[in-house]
Amino acid sequence: MKQLLYRYIRKQTSHEEDKQVLRWLRENPDNLAQFSALKAELVAEELRQGQDGVVAGVYDKFKRKQLAKKRVQLAKYAAAASVVVLFGLLLHLYQPGKLGDKGGPSNSEMMLVHNKGKEQKEVVLPDGSTVLLNMDSQIEYPAIFKGAKRSVSFIGEGYFNITHDSIKPFVVSTQDFDIKVLGTTFNVKSYLNDTQTETTLISGKVEVLREAEEPLLLAPSQKAIFSKENKKMDVEKVVLEDAVAWQKGSLIFKSTPMEQVVLDLERKYDVKIKINSPKLLKYEYTGTFDNLTMKEALQLLVMSSPIQYKEVNQKIILDYKEKK
């Protein structure tokens, strides 16, 4: 186990090994103490070698104050210093954790991961469940799942793979509905500015919950779509590969309102797009964008729909192309 912990601290472990370490840490408070001491030794070694100027400064400060103390005390201070410089316990969660009274995450602490970049980001939750975040997506969750359910809040788009627990259900809260699962795989798309919120079940079972409404049970390959305009929920059959095509950098539209198409294009290409024609607002677009550049995407729109565009002051203007 010691060698695995060495590799974990140095970020040399696989995804499965990360889970193994986390399970071991949760088994016994003594395991956490052992981990902290081991990490402190490694950090102290780096400090002595002067490999990190910022950390070395912290180490030197402690060294000047604690020259007369035993090595075990030095290790404790080095562990504290490692937290200060973002060598936090849950490195794979992309957020440094605060330490509770017993050296672990405090029960009330909330973790927030926001994927602001263009690359996808994986988050490992306290129960071993994983979430793959699309661009401009975020998830908030407790450092430790307490109580009768495992609850998280979510904005954006993400692919959830939930660890099964028949006693403690997992609940994802979006702006328009909650998704309750026991152990399953599903996709959620819930951007604040989108025209609809949706969840697609890949495997297992989920319940879609809205206040004062009957729970909606989804089967695999079904997608629940909530329209923000008419406050109505619909269910449709989907091709699973299409539902998670964003993981490969693709955008797939099937009779999608042009307003929503524009929102997806703006997010993917980081551009501003304006619909300049009322007819286009009612137009529903069908097409696939497989890792295209913005220029190629616009050319595809022109070829496959009654759309024309122009660029004005770094903004793309879309107009309806009348038939001659």
C-alpha atoms as a PDB file:
ATOM      1  CA  MET A   1       0.000   0.000   0.000  1.00  0.00           C
ATOM      2  CA  LYS A   2       2.878   2.354   0.763  1.00  0.00           C
ATOM      3  CA  GLN A   3       4.150   2.234  -2.828  1.00  0.00           C
ATOM      4  CA  LEU A   4       0.633   2.933  -4.134  1.00  0.00           C
ATOM      5  CA  LEU A   5       0.366   5.955  -1.859  1.00  0.00           C
ATOM      6  CA  TYR A   6       3.751   7.217  -3.076  1.00  0.00           C
ATOM      7  CA  ARG A   7       2.506   7.021  -6.679  1.00  0.00           C
ATOM      8  CA  TYR A   8      -0.830   8.617  -5.760  1.00  0.00           C
ATOM      9  CA  ILE A   9       0.856  11.614  -4.139  1.00  0.00           C
ATOM     10  CA  ARG A  10       3.058  12.023  -7.219  1.00  0.00           C
ATOM     11  CA  LYS A  11      -0.047  11.828  -9.515  1.00  0.00           C
ATOM     12  CA  GLN A  12       1.198   8.628 -11.147  1.00  0.00           C
ATOM     13  CA  THR A  13      -1.856   6.444 -10.430  1.00  0.00           C
ATOM     14  CA  SER A  14      -4.634   5.294 -12.742  1.00  0.00           C
ATOM     15  CA  HIS A  15      -8.293   6.180 -12.300  1.00  0.00           C
ATOM     16  CA  GLU A  16      -9.017   2.806 -10.634  1.00  0.00           C
ATOM     17  CA  GLU A  17      -6.036   3.194  -8.299  1.00  0.00           C
ATOM     18  CA  ASP A  18      -7.334   6.642  -7.286  1.00  0.00           C
ATOM     19  CA  LYS A  19     -10.590   5.018  -6.219  1.00  0.00           C
ATOM     20  CA  GLN A  20      -8.686   2.331  -4.290  1.00  0.00           C
ATOM     21  CA  VAL A  21      -6.755   4.977  -2.346  1.00  0.00           C
ATOM     22  CA  LEU A  22      -9.922   6.910  -1.512  1.00  0.00           C
ATOM     23  CA  ARG A  23     -11.684   3.780  -0.247  1.00  0.00           C
ATOM     24  CA  TRP A  24      -8.684   2.991   1.947  1.00  0.00           C
ATOM     25  CA  LEU A  25      -8.615   6.528   3.357  1.00  0.00           C
ATOM     26  CA  ARG A  26     -12.295   6.346   4.317  1.00  0.00           C
ATOM     27  CA  GLU A  27     -11.946   2.987   6.078  1.00  0.00           C
ATOM     28  CA  ASN A  28     -10.124   4.246   9.160  1.00  0.00           C
ATOM     29  CA  PRO A  29      -9.013   7.647  10.553  1.00  0.00           C
ATOM     30  CA  ASP A  30      -5.613   6.083  11.224  1.00  0.00           C
ATOM     31  CA  ASN A  31      -5.230   5.553   7.467  1.00  0.00           C
ATOM     32  CA  LEU A  32      -5.653   9.279   6.897  1.00  0.00           C
ATOM     33  CA  ALA A  33      -3.034  10.018   9.564  1.00  0.00           C
ATOM     34  CA  GLN A  34      -0.643   7.555   7.916  1.00  0.00           C
ATOM     35  CA  PHE A  35      -1.273   9.161   4.524  1.00  0.00           C
ATOM     36  CA  SER A  36      -0.639  12.664   5.902  1.00  0.00           C
ATOM     37  CA  ALA A  37       2.623  11.600   7.521  1.00  0.00           C
ATOM     38  CA  LEU A  38       3.788   9.911   4.340  1.00  0.00           C
ATOM     39  CA  LYS A  39       2.912  12.925   2.221  1.00  0.00           C
ATOM     40  CA  ALA A  40       4.659  15.178   4.737  1.00  0.00           C
ATOM     41  CA  GLU A  41       7.845  13.155   4.377  1.00  0.00           C
ATOM     42  CA  LEU A  42       7.767  13.534   0.598  1.00  0.00           C
ATOM     43  CA  VAL A  43       7.010  17.238   0.788  1.00  0.00           C
ATOM     44  CA  ALA A  44       9.733  17.769   3.367  1.00  0.00           C
ATOM     45  CA  GLU A  45      12.192  15.945   1.115  1.00  0.00           C
ATOM     46  CA  GLU A  46      11.297  18.265  -1.772  1.00  0.00           C
ATOM     47  CA  LEU A  47      11.590  21.224   0.524  1.00  0.00           C
ATOM     48  CA  ARG A  48      15.070  20.230   1.599  1.00  0.00           C
ATOM     49  CA  GLN A  49      16.106  19.797  -2.019  1.00  0.00           C
ATOM     50  CA  GLY A  50      14.709  23.221  -2.896  1.00  0.00           C
ATOM     51  CA  GLN A  51      12.603  21.935  -5.802  1.00  0.00           C
ATOM     52  CA  ASP A  52       9.770  24.378  -5.231  1.00  0.00           C
ATOM     53  CA  GLY A  53      10.584  27.964  -4.276  1.00  0.00           C
ATOM     54  CA  VAL A  54       7.156  28.757  -2.840  1.00  0.00           C
ATOM     55  CA  VAL A  55       6.999  25.604  -0.748  1.00  0.00           C
ATOM     56  CA  ALA A  56      10.626  26.036   0.279  1.00  0.00           C
ATOM     57  CA  GLY A  57       9.800  29.441   1.690  1.00  0.00           C
ATOM     58  CA  VAL A  58       7.040  27.948   3.831  1.00  0.00           C
ATOM     59  CA  TYR A  59       9.363  25.166   4.945  1.00  0.00           C
ATOM     60  CA  ASP A  60      12.118  27.599   5.880  1.00  0.00           C
ATOM     61  CA  LYS A  61       9.691  29.595   7.968  1.00  0.00           C
ATOM     62  CA  PHE A  62       8.664  26.532   9.920  1.00  0.00           C
ATOM     63  CA  LYS A  63      12.270  25.403  10.180  1.00  0.00           C
ATOM     64  CA  ARG A  64      13.381  28.655  11.786  1.00  0.00           C
ATOM     65  CA  LYS A  65      10.578  28.462  14.332  1.00  0.00           C
ATOM     66  CA  GLN A  66      10.763  24.766  15.106  1.00  0.00           C
ATOM     67  CA  LEU A  67      14.423  23.791  15.045  1.00  0.00           C
ATOM     68  CA  ALA A  68      14.214  22.264  18.529  1.00  0.00           C
ATOM     69  CA  LYS A  69      11.148  20.075  17.823  1.00  0.00           C
ATOM     70  CA  LYS A  70      11.130  16.404  16.939  1.00  0.00           C
ATOM     71  CA  ARG A  71      10.960  15.070  13.412  1.00  0.00           C
ATOM     72  CA  VAL A  72       7.347  14.002  13.831  1.00  0.00           C
ATOM     73  CA  GLN A  73       6.383  17.598  14.624  1.00  0.00           C
ATOM     74  CA  LEU A  74       8.231  18.786  11.550  1.00  0.00           C
ATOM     75  CA  ALA A  75       6.259  16.276   9.503  1.00  0.00           C
ATOM     76  CA  LYS A  76       2.977  17.700  10.789  1.00  0.00           C
ATOM     77  CA  TYR A  77       3.990  21.237   9.831  1.00  0.00           C
ATOM     78  CA  ALA A  78       5.155  20.083   6.422  1.00  0.00           C
ATOM     79  CA  ALA A  79       1.755  18.423   5.905  1.00  0.00           C
ATOM     80  CA  ALA A  80       0.062  21.713   6.759  1.00  0.00           C
ATOM     81  CA  ALA A  81       2.357  23.545   4.369  1.00  0.00           C
ATOM     82  CA  SER A  82       1.434  21.133   1.599  1.00  0.00           C
ATOM     83  CA  VAL A  83      -2.215  22.110   1.997  1.00  0.00           C
ATOM     84  CA  VAL A  84      -1.338  25.790   1.737  1.00  0.00           C
ATOM     85  CA  VAL A  85       0.338  25.238  -1.628  1.00  0.00           C
ATOM     86  CA  LEU A  86      -2.494  23.117  -3.027  1.00  0.00           C
ATOM     87  CA  PHE A  87      -1.067  19.686  -2.256  1.00  0.00           C
ATOM     88  CA  GLY A  88      -4.557  18.936  -0.792  1.00  0.00           C
ATOM     89  CA  LEU A  89      -5.776  15.488   0.125  1.00  0.00           C
ATOM     90  CA  LEU A  90      -8.239  15.134  -2.755  1.00  0.00           C
ATOM     91  CA  LEU A  91      -5.919  16.070  -5.600  1.00  0.00           C
ATOM     92  CA  HIS A  92      -8.024  14.360  -8.247  1.00  0.00           C
ATOM     93  CA  LEU A  93     -11.075  16.474  -7.353  1.00  0.00           C
ATOM     94  CA  TYR A  94      -9.353  19.577  -8.739  1.00  0.00           C
ATOM     95  CA  GLN A  95     -10.196  21.522  -5.563  1.00  0.00           C
ATOM     96  CA  PRO A  96      -8.082  21.724  -2.372  1.00  0.00           C
ATOM     97  CA  GLY A  97     -10.016  20.407   0.639  1.00  0.00           C
ATOM     98  CA  LYS A  98     -10.029  22.014   4.044  1.00  0.00           C
ATOM     99  CA  LEU A  99      -9.132  19.845   7.005  1.00  0.00           C
ATOM    100  CA  GLY A 100     -11.603  19.005   9.748  1.00  0.00           C
ATOM    101  CA  ASP A 101     -10.857  18.411  13.408  1.00  0.00           C
ATOM    102  CA  LYS A 102      -9.657  14.849  12.742  1.00  0.00           C
ATOM    103  CA  GLY A 103      -7.498  15.692   9.748  1.00  0.00           C
ATOM    104  CA  GLY A 104     -10.071  14.808   7.066  1.00  0.00           C
ATOM    105  CA  PRO A 105     -12.606  16.853   5.080  1.00  0.00           C
ATOM    106  CA  SER A 106     -15.161  18.530   7.310  1.00  0.00           C
ATOM    107  CA  ASN A 107     -18.709  17.196   7.053  1.00  0.00           C
ATOM    108  CA  SER A 108     -20.167  20.581   6.115  1.00  0.00           C
ATOM    109  CA  GLU A 109     -17.619  21.469   3.443  1.00  0.00           C
ATOM    110  CA  MET A 110     -18.904  21.892  -0.095  1.00  0.00           C
ATOM    111  CA  MET A 111     -16.691  21.318  -3.105  1.00  0.00           C
ATOM    112  CA  LEU A 112     -17.192  23.231  -6.366  1.00  0.00           C
ATOM    113  CA  VAL A 113     -15.612  22.221  -9.665  1.00  0.00           C
ATOM    114  CA  HIS A 114     -16.147  24.547 -12.628  1.00  0.00           C
ATOM    115  CA  ASN A 115     -14.773  23.520 -15.998  1.00  0.00           C
ATOM    116  CA  LYS A 116     -14.092  26.894 -17.586  1.00  0.00           C
ATOM    117  CA  GLY A 117     -11.804  25.566 -20.305  1.00  0.00           C
ATOM    118  CA  LYS A 118     -12.493  23.963 -23.666  1.00  0.00           C
ATOM    119  CA  GLU A 119     -11.242  20.551 -22.579  1.00  0.00           C
ATOM    120  CA  GLN A 120     -13.430  18.010 -20.786  1.00  0.00           C
ATOM    121  CA  LYS A 121     -12.729  17.411 -17.106  1.00  0.00           C
ATOM    122  CA  GLU A 122     -13.409  14.312 -15.003  1.00  0.00           C
ATOM    123  CA  VAL A 123     -14.456  14.611 -11.369  1.00  0.00           C
ATOM    124  CA  VAL A 124     -14.370  11.702  -8.901  1.00  0.00           C
ATOM    125  CA  LEU A 125     -16.990  12.090  -6.172  1.00  0.00           C
ATOM    126  CA  PRO A 126     -16.594  10.946  -2.533  1.00  0.00           C
ATOM    127  CA  ASP A 127     -18.476   7.669  -3.187  1.00  0.00           C
ATOM    128  CA  GLY A 128     -16.330   6.770  -6.209  1.00  0.00           C
ATOM    129  CA  SER A 129     -18.923   7.944  -8.762  1.00  0.00           C
ATOM    130  CA  THR A 130     -17.494   9.880 -11.708  1.00  0.00           C
ATOM    131  CA  VAL A 131     -18.712  12.852 -13.724  1.00  0.00           C
ATOM    132  CA  LEU A 132     -17.235  13.963 -17.047  1.00  0.00           C
ATOM    133  CA  LEU A 133     -17.818  17.709 -17.373  1.00  0.00           C
ATOM    134  CA  ASN A 134     -18.311  19.356 -20.745  1.00  0.00           C
ATOM    135  CA  MET A 135     -17.053  22.903 -21.276  1.00  0.00           C
ATOM    136  CA  ASP A 136     -18.532  25.676 -19.112  1.00  0.00           C
ATOM    137  CA  SER A 137     -20.066  23.132 -16.712  1.00  0.00           C
ATOM    138  CA  GLN A 138     -19.917  22.913 -12.935  1.00  0.00           C
ATOM    139  CA  ILE A 139     -20.841  20.559 -10.109  1.00  0.00           C
ATOM    140  CA  GLU A 140     -21.160  21.235  -6.384  1.00  0.00           C
ATOM    141  CA  TYR A 141     -21.110  18.402  -3.853  1.00  0.00           C
ATOM    142  CA  PRO A 142     -20.234  17.743  -0.197  1.00  0.00           C
ATOM    143  CA  ALA A 143     -16.749  16.537   0.699  1.00  0.00           C
ATOM    144  CA  ILE A 144     -18.463  13.627   2.475  1.00  0.00           C
ATOM    145  CA  PHE A 145     -21.917  12.277   1.589  1.00  0.00           C
ATOM    146  CA  LYS A 146     -23.942  12.316   4.825  1.00  0.00           C
ATOM    147  CA  GLY A 147     -27.572  11.469   5.506  1.00  0.00           C
ATOM    148  CA  ALA A 148     -30.075   9.392   3.555  1.00  0.00           C
ATOM    149  CA  LYS A 149     -29.031  10.452   0.036  1.00  0.00           C
ATOM    150  CA  ARG A 150     -26.071  11.581  -2.046  1.00  0.00           C
ATOM    151  CA  SER A 151     -26.987  15.019  -3.395  1.00  0.00           C
ATOM    152  CA  VAL A 152     -25.159  17.212  -5.910  1.00  0.00           C
ATOM    153  CA  SER A 153     -26.070  20.397  -7.785  1.00  0.00           C
ATOM    154  CA  PHE A 154     -25.256  20.648 -11.478  1.00  0.00           C
ATOM    155  CA  ILE A 155     -25.117  23.275 -14.234  1.00  0.00           C
ATOM    156  CA  GLY A 156     -24.011  22.566 -17.809  1.00  0.00           C
ATOM    157  CA  GLU A 157     -23.528  19.202 -19.476  1.00  0.00           C
ATOM    158  CA  GLY A 158     -22.049  16.088 -17.934  1.00  0.00           C
ATOM    159  CA  TYR A 159     -21.816  12.312 -18.224  1.00  0.00           C
ATOM    160  CA  PHE A 160     -22.551  10.630 -14.875  1.00  0.00           C
ATOM    161  CA  ASN A 161     -21.423   7.118 -13.895  1.00  0.00           C
ATOM    162  CA  ILE A 162     -22.900   6.473 -10.455  1.00  0.00           C
ATOM    163  CA  THR A 163     -21.682   3.898  -7.941  1.00  0.00           C
ATOM    164  CA  HIS A 164     -24.577   1.641  -6.911  1.00  0.00           C
ATOM    165  CA  ASP A 165     -25.947   2.030  -3.392  1.00  0.00           C
ATOM    166  CA  SER A 166     -29.389   0.516  -2.783  1.00  0.00           C
ATOM    167  CA  ILE A 167     -29.705   2.289   0.586  1.00  0.00           C
ATOM    168  CA  LYS A 168     -28.522   5.778  -0.314  1.00  0.00           C
ATOM    169  CA  PRO A 169     -29.886   7.100  -3.658  1.00  0.00           C
ATOM    170  CA  PHE A 170     -27.945   9.633  -5.711  1.00  0.00           C
ATOM    171  CA  VAL A 171     -29.771  12.884  -6.613  1.00  0.00           C
ATOM    172  CA  VAL A 172     -28.672  15.423  -9.219  1.00  0.00           C
ATOM    173  CA  SER A 173     -30.394  18.807  -8.879  1.00  0.00           C
ATOM    174  CA  THR A 174     -30.659  21.001 -11.982  1.00  0.00           C
ATOM    175  CA  GLN A 175     -32.461  24.299 -12.427  1.00  0.00           C
ATOM    176  CA  ASP A 176     -35.616  22.588 -13.740  1.00  0.00           C
ATOM    177  CA  PHE A 177     -35.797  19.094 -12.252  1.00  0.00           C
ATOM    178  CA  ASP A 178     -34.037  16.537 -10.058  1.00  0.00           C
ATOM    179  CA  ILE A 179     -32.707  13.168 -11.206  1.00  0.00           C
ATOM    180  CA  LYS A 180     -32.815  10.309  -8.703  1.00  0.00           C
ATOM    181  CA  VAL A 181     -30.736   7.154  -9.249  1.00  0.00           C
ATOM    182  CA  LEU A 182     -29.373   4.182  -7.339  1.00  0.00           C
ATOM    183  CA  GLY A 183     -26.560   3.209  -9.670  1.00  0.00           C
ATOM    184  CA  THR A 184     -26.579   3.995 -13.348  1.00  0.00           C
ATOM    185  CA  THR A 185     -25.106   5.948 -16.268  1.00  0.00           C
ATOM    186  CA  PHE A 186     -26.788   9.007 -17.731  1.00  0.00           C
ATOM    187  CA  ASN A 187     -26.181  12.317 -19.471  1.00  0.00           C
ATOM    188  CA  VAL A 188     -27.437  15.691 -18.263  1.00  0.00           C
ATOM    189  CA  LYS A 189     -27.616  18.931 -20.234  1.00  0.00           C
ATOM    190  CA  SER A 190     -28.712  21.876 -18.108  1.00  0.00           C
ATOM    191  CA  TYR A 191     -27.096  25.143 -19.191  1.00  0.00           C
ATOM    192  CA  LEU A 192     -28.746  28.200 -17.646  1.00  0.00           C
ATOM    193  CA  ASN A 193     -29.347  30.021 -20.948  1.00  0.00           C
ATOM    194  CA  ASP A 194     -30.518  27.026 -23.001  1.00  0.00           C
ATOM    195  CA  THR A 195     -34.102  26.742 -24.188  1.00  0.00           C
ATOM    196  CA  GLN A 196     -34.506  23.327 -22.547  1.00  0.00           C
ATOM    197  CA  THR A 197     -33.079  21.027 -19.894  1.00  0.00           C
ATOM    198  CA  GLU A 198     -32.622  17.344 -20.676  1.00  0.00           C
ATOM    199  CA  THR A 199     -31.350  14.054 -19.319  1.00  0.00           C
ATOM    200  CA  THR A 200     -30.672  10.875 -21.284  1.00  0.00           C
ATOM    201  CA  LEU A 201     -30.499   7.462 -19.620  1.00  0.00           C
ATOM    202  CA  ILE A 202     -27.634   5.297 -20.868  1.00  0.00           C
ATOM    203  CA  SER A 203     -28.079   2.320 -18.528  1.00  0.00           C
ATOM    204  CA  GLY A 204     -29.924   1.463 -15.308  1.00  0.00           C
ATOM    205  CA  LYS A 205     -32.925   3.446 -14.073  1.00  0.00           C
ATOM    206  CA  VAL A 206     -33.561   7.063 -13.167  1.00  0.00           C
ATOM    207  CA  GLU A 207     -36.524   9.035 -11.906  1.00  0.00           C
ATOM    208  CA  VAL A 208     -37.009  12.602 -13.091  1.00  0.00           C
ATOM    209  CA  LEU A 209     -38.629  14.627 -10.319  1.00  0.00           C
ATOM    210  CA  ARG A 210     -40.440  17.957 -10.460  1.00  0.00           C
ATOM    211  CA  GLU A 211     -42.296  19.530  -7.584  1.00  0.00           C
ATOM    212  CA  ALA A 212     -46.043  18.753  -7.563  1.00  0.00           C
ATOM    213  CA  GLU A 213     -45.668  16.316 -10.469  1.00  0.00           C
ATOM    214  CA  GLU A 214     -45.590  12.528 -10.621  1.00  0.00           C
ATOM    215  CA  PRO A 215     -42.070  11.045 -10.907  1.00  0.00           C
ATOM    216  CA  LEU A 216     -41.103  10.189 -14.472  1.00  0.00           C
ATOM    217  CA  LEU A 217     -39.297   6.851 -14.846  1.00  0.00           C
ATOM    218  CA  LEU A 218     -36.897   6.622 -17.797  1.00  0.00           C
ATOM    219  CA  ALA A 219     -35.735   3.484 -19.595  1.00  0.00           C
ATOM    220  CA  PRO A 220     -32.334   3.220 -21.336  1.00  0.00           C
ATOM    221  CA  SER A 221     -32.151   5.181 -24.609  1.00  0.00           C
ATOM    222  CA  GLN A 222     -34.887   7.550 -23.439  1.00  0.00           C
ATOM    223  CA  LYS A 223     -34.405  11.291 -23.038  1.00  0.00           C
ATOM    224  CA  ALA A 224     -36.525  13.572 -20.849  1.00  0.00           C
ATOM    225  CA  ILE A 225     -36.747  17.106 -22.255  1.00  0.00           C
ATOM    226  CA  PHE A 226     -38.131  20.013 -20.249  1.00  0.00           C
ATOM    227  CA  SER A 227     -39.116  23.077 -22.279  1.00  0.00           C
ATOM    228  CA  LYS A 228     -38.434  26.251 -20.345  1.00  0.00           C
ATOM    229  CA  GLU A 229     -40.887  28.209 -22.482  1.00  0.00           C
ATOM    230  CA  ASN A 230     -44.027  26.122 -21.999  1.00  0.00           C
ATOM    231  CA  LYS A 231     -42.943  24.358 -18.764  1.00  0.00           C
ATOM    232  CA  LYS A 232     -43.681  20.982 -20.340  1.00  0.00           C
ATOM    233  CA  MET A 233     -41.809  17.690 -20.047  1.00  0.00           C
ATOM    234  CA  ASP A 234     -41.552  15.312 -23.017  1.00  0.00           C
ATOM    235  CA  VAL A 235     -39.861  11.931 -23.432  1.00  0.00           C
ATOM    236  CA  GLU A 236     -38.354  10.673 -26.669  1.00  0.00           C
ATOM    237  CA  LYS A 237     -36.329   7.712 -27.899  1.00  0.00           C
ATOM    238  CA  VAL A 238     -32.746   8.586 -28.836  1.00  0.00           C
ATOM    239  CA  VAL A 239     -29.608   7.052 -30.284  1.00  0.00           C
ATOM    240  CA  LEU A 240     -27.227   6.782 -27.335  1.00  0.00           C
ATOM    241  CA  GLU A 241     -24.170   7.605 -29.444  1.00  0.00           C
ATOM    242  CA  ASP A 242     -25.815  10.905 -30.396  1.00  0.00           C
ATOM    243  CA  ALA A 243     -26.608  11.781 -26.781  1.00  0.00           C
ATOM    244  CA  VAL A 244     -22.937  11.619 -25.768  1.00  0.00           C
ATOM    245  CA  ALA A 245     -21.411  12.782 -29.062  1.00  0.00           C
ATOM    246  CA  TRP A 246     -20.044  15.876 -27.289  1.00  0.00           C
ATOM    247  CA  GLN A 247     -17.424  13.651 -25.662  1.00  0.00           C
ATOM    248  CA  LYS A 248     -15.867  13.266 -29.130  1.00  0.00           C
ATOM    249  CA  GLY A 249     -16.191  16.949 -29.942  1.00  0.00           C
ATOM    250  CA  SER A 250     -19.314  16.573 -32.114  1.00  0.00           C
ATOM    251  CA  LEU A 251     -22.599  18.474 -32.143  1.00  0.00           C
ATOM    252  CA  ILE A 252     -25.687  16.640 -33.395  1.00  0.00           C
ATOM    253  CA  PHE A 253     -28.976  18.458 -34.040  1.00  0.00           C
ATOM    254  CA  LYS A 254     -32.278  16.790 -34.888  1.00  0.00           C
ATOM    255  CA  SER A 255     -35.147  19.207 -35.514  1.00  0.00           C
ATOM    256  CA  THR A 256     -33.502  21.513 -32.985  1.00  0.00           C
ATOM    257  CA  PRO A 257     -34.814  25.101 -32.698  1.00  0.00           C
ATOM    258  CA  MET A 258     -32.333  27.493 -34.288  1.00  0.00           C
ATOM    259  CA  GLU A 259     -32.158  29.479 -31.071  1.00  0.00           C
ATOM    260  CA  GLN A 260     -30.751  26.417 -29.298  1.00  0.00           C
ATOM    261  CA  VAL A 261     -28.393  25.629 -32.207  1.00  0.00           C
ATOM    262  CA  VAL A 262     -26.921  29.120 -31.874  1.00  0.00           C
ATOM    263  CA  LEU A 263     -26.415  28.706 -28.115  1.00  0.00           C
ATOM    264  CA  ASP A 264     -24.508  25.447 -28.656  1.00  0.00           C
ATOM    265  CA  LEU A 265     -22.353  26.982 -31.386  1.00  0.00           C
ATOM    266  CA  GLU A 266     -21.554  30.033 -29.267  1.00  0.00           C
ATOM    267  CA  ARG A 267     -20.469  27.826 -26.390  1.00  0.00           C
ATOM    268  CA  LYS A 268     -18.353  25.494 -28.512  1.00  0.00           C
ATOM    269  CA  TYR A 269     -16.595  28.148 -30.601  1.00  0.00           C
ATOM    270  CA  ASP A 270     -16.591  31.028 -28.094  1.00  0.00           C
ATOM    271  CA  VAL A 271     -18.215  33.449 -30.552  1.00  0.00           C
ATOM    272  CA  LYS A 272     -21.215  35.772 -30.571  1.00  0.00           C
ATOM    273  CA  ILE A 273     -24.013  34.874 -32.983  1.00  0.00           C
ATOM    274  CA  LYS A 274     -27.137  36.920 -33.652  1.00  0.00           C
ATOM    275  CA  ILE A 275     -30.282  35.668 -35.399  1.00  0.00           C
ATOM    276  CA  ASN A 276     -31.404  38.583 -37.532  1.00  0.00           C
ATOM    277  CA  SER A 277     -34.571  37.089 -38.988  1.00  0.00           C
ATOM    278  CA  PRO A 278     -37.845  36.156 -37.196  1.00  0.00           C
ATOM    279  CA  LYS A 279     -38.227  33.247 -39.632  1.00  0.00           C
ATOM    280  CA  LEU A 280     -35.018  31.692 -38.351  1.00  0.00           C
ATOM    281  CA  LEU A 281     -36.305  31.737 -34.780  1.00  0.00           C
ATOM    282  CA  LYS A 282     -39.019  29.300 -35.883  1.00  0.00           C
ATOM    283  CA  TYR A 283     -36.670  27.216 -38.019  1.00  0.00           C
ATOM    284  CA  GLU A 284     -35.674  23.735 -36.786  1.00  0.00           C
ATOM    285  CA  TYR A 285     -32.271  22.523 -37.891  1.00  0.00           C
ATOM    286  CA  THR A 286     -31.019  18.976 -38.487  1.00  0.00           C
ATOM    287  CA  GLY A 287     -27.323  18.333 -39.025  1.00  0.00           C
ATOM    288  CA  THR A 288     -24.077  16.976 -37.596  1.00  0.00           C
ATOM    289  CA  PHE A 289     -20.906  18.928 -36.846  1.00  0.00           C
ATOM    290  CA  ASP A 290     -18.019  16.468 -36.498  1.00  0.00           C
ATOM    291  CA  ASN A 291     -15.054  18.371 -35.046  1.00  0.00           C
ATOM    292  CA  LEU A 292     -15.471  21.221 -37.523  1.00  0.00           C
ATOM    293  CA  THR A 293     -13.875  24.623 -37.296  1.00  0.00           C
ATOM    294  CA  MET A 294     -16.205  27.590 -36.902  1.00  0.00           C
ATOM    295  CA  LYS A 295     -15.742  28.485 -40.559  1.00  0.00           C
ATOM    296  CA  GLU A 296     -16.584  24.949 -41.649  1.00  0.00           C
ATOM    297  CA  ALA A 297     -19.648  24.894 -39.385  1.00  0.00           C
ATOM    298  CA  LEU A 298     -20.970  28.100 -40.945  1.00  0.00           C
ATOM    299  CA  GLN A 299     -20.379  26.742 -44.436  1.00  0.00           C
ATOM    300  CA  LEU A 300     -22.311  23.594 -43.513  1.00  0.00           C
ATOM    301  CA  LEU A 301     -25.203  25.701 -42.240  1.00  0.00           C
ATOM    302  CA  VAL A 302     -25.320  27.599 -45.536  1.00  0.00           C
ATOM    303  CA  MET A 303     -25.240  24.407 -47.620  1.00  0.00           C
ATOM    304  CA  SER A 304     -27.771  22.443 -45.577  1.00  0.00           C
ATOM    305  CA  SER A 305     -30.374  25.063 -44.646  1.00  0.00           C
ATOM    306  CA  PRO A 306     -31.956  28.351 -45.793  1.00  0.00           C
ATOM    307  CA  ILE A 307     -29.358  30.348 -43.874  1.00  0.00           C
ATOM    308  CA  GLN A 308     -26.859  32.988 -44.902  1.00  0.00           C
ATOM    309  CA  TYR A 309     -24.414  34.798 -42.699  1.00  0.00           C
ATOM    310  CA  LYS A 310     -22.046  37.736 -42.470  1.00  0.00           C
ATOM    311  CA  GLU A 311     -19.459  38.835 -39.946  1.00  0.00           C
ATOM    312  CA  VAL A 312     -19.800  42.330 -38.458  1.00  0.00           C
ATOM    313  CA  ASN A 313     -17.538  43.636 -35.683  1.00  0.00           C
ATOM    314  CA  GLN A 314     -16.457  40.131 -34.629  1.00  0.00           C
ATOM    315  CA  LYS A 315     -20.089  39.014 -34.446  1.00  0.00           C
ATOM    316  CA  ILE A 316     -21.763  36.510 -36.769  1.00  0.00           C
ATOM    317  CA  ILE A 317     -25.154  37.612 -38.122  1.00  0.00           C
ATOM    318  CA  LEU A 318     -27.544  34.917 -39.384  1.00  0.00           C
ATOM    319  CA  ASP A 319     -30.334  35.732 -41.858  1.00  0.00           C
ATOM    320  CA  TYR A 320     -33.013  33.675 -43.555  1.00  0.00           C
ATOM    321  CA  LYS A 321     -32.154  32.986 -47.171  1.00  0.00           C
ATOM    322  CA  GLU A 322     -35.242  33.517 -49.325  1.00  0.00           C
ATOM    323  CA  LYS A 323     -35.776  31.127 -52.209  1.00  0.00           C
ATOM    324  CA  LYS A 324     -35.415  32.652 -55.671  1.00  0.00           C
END
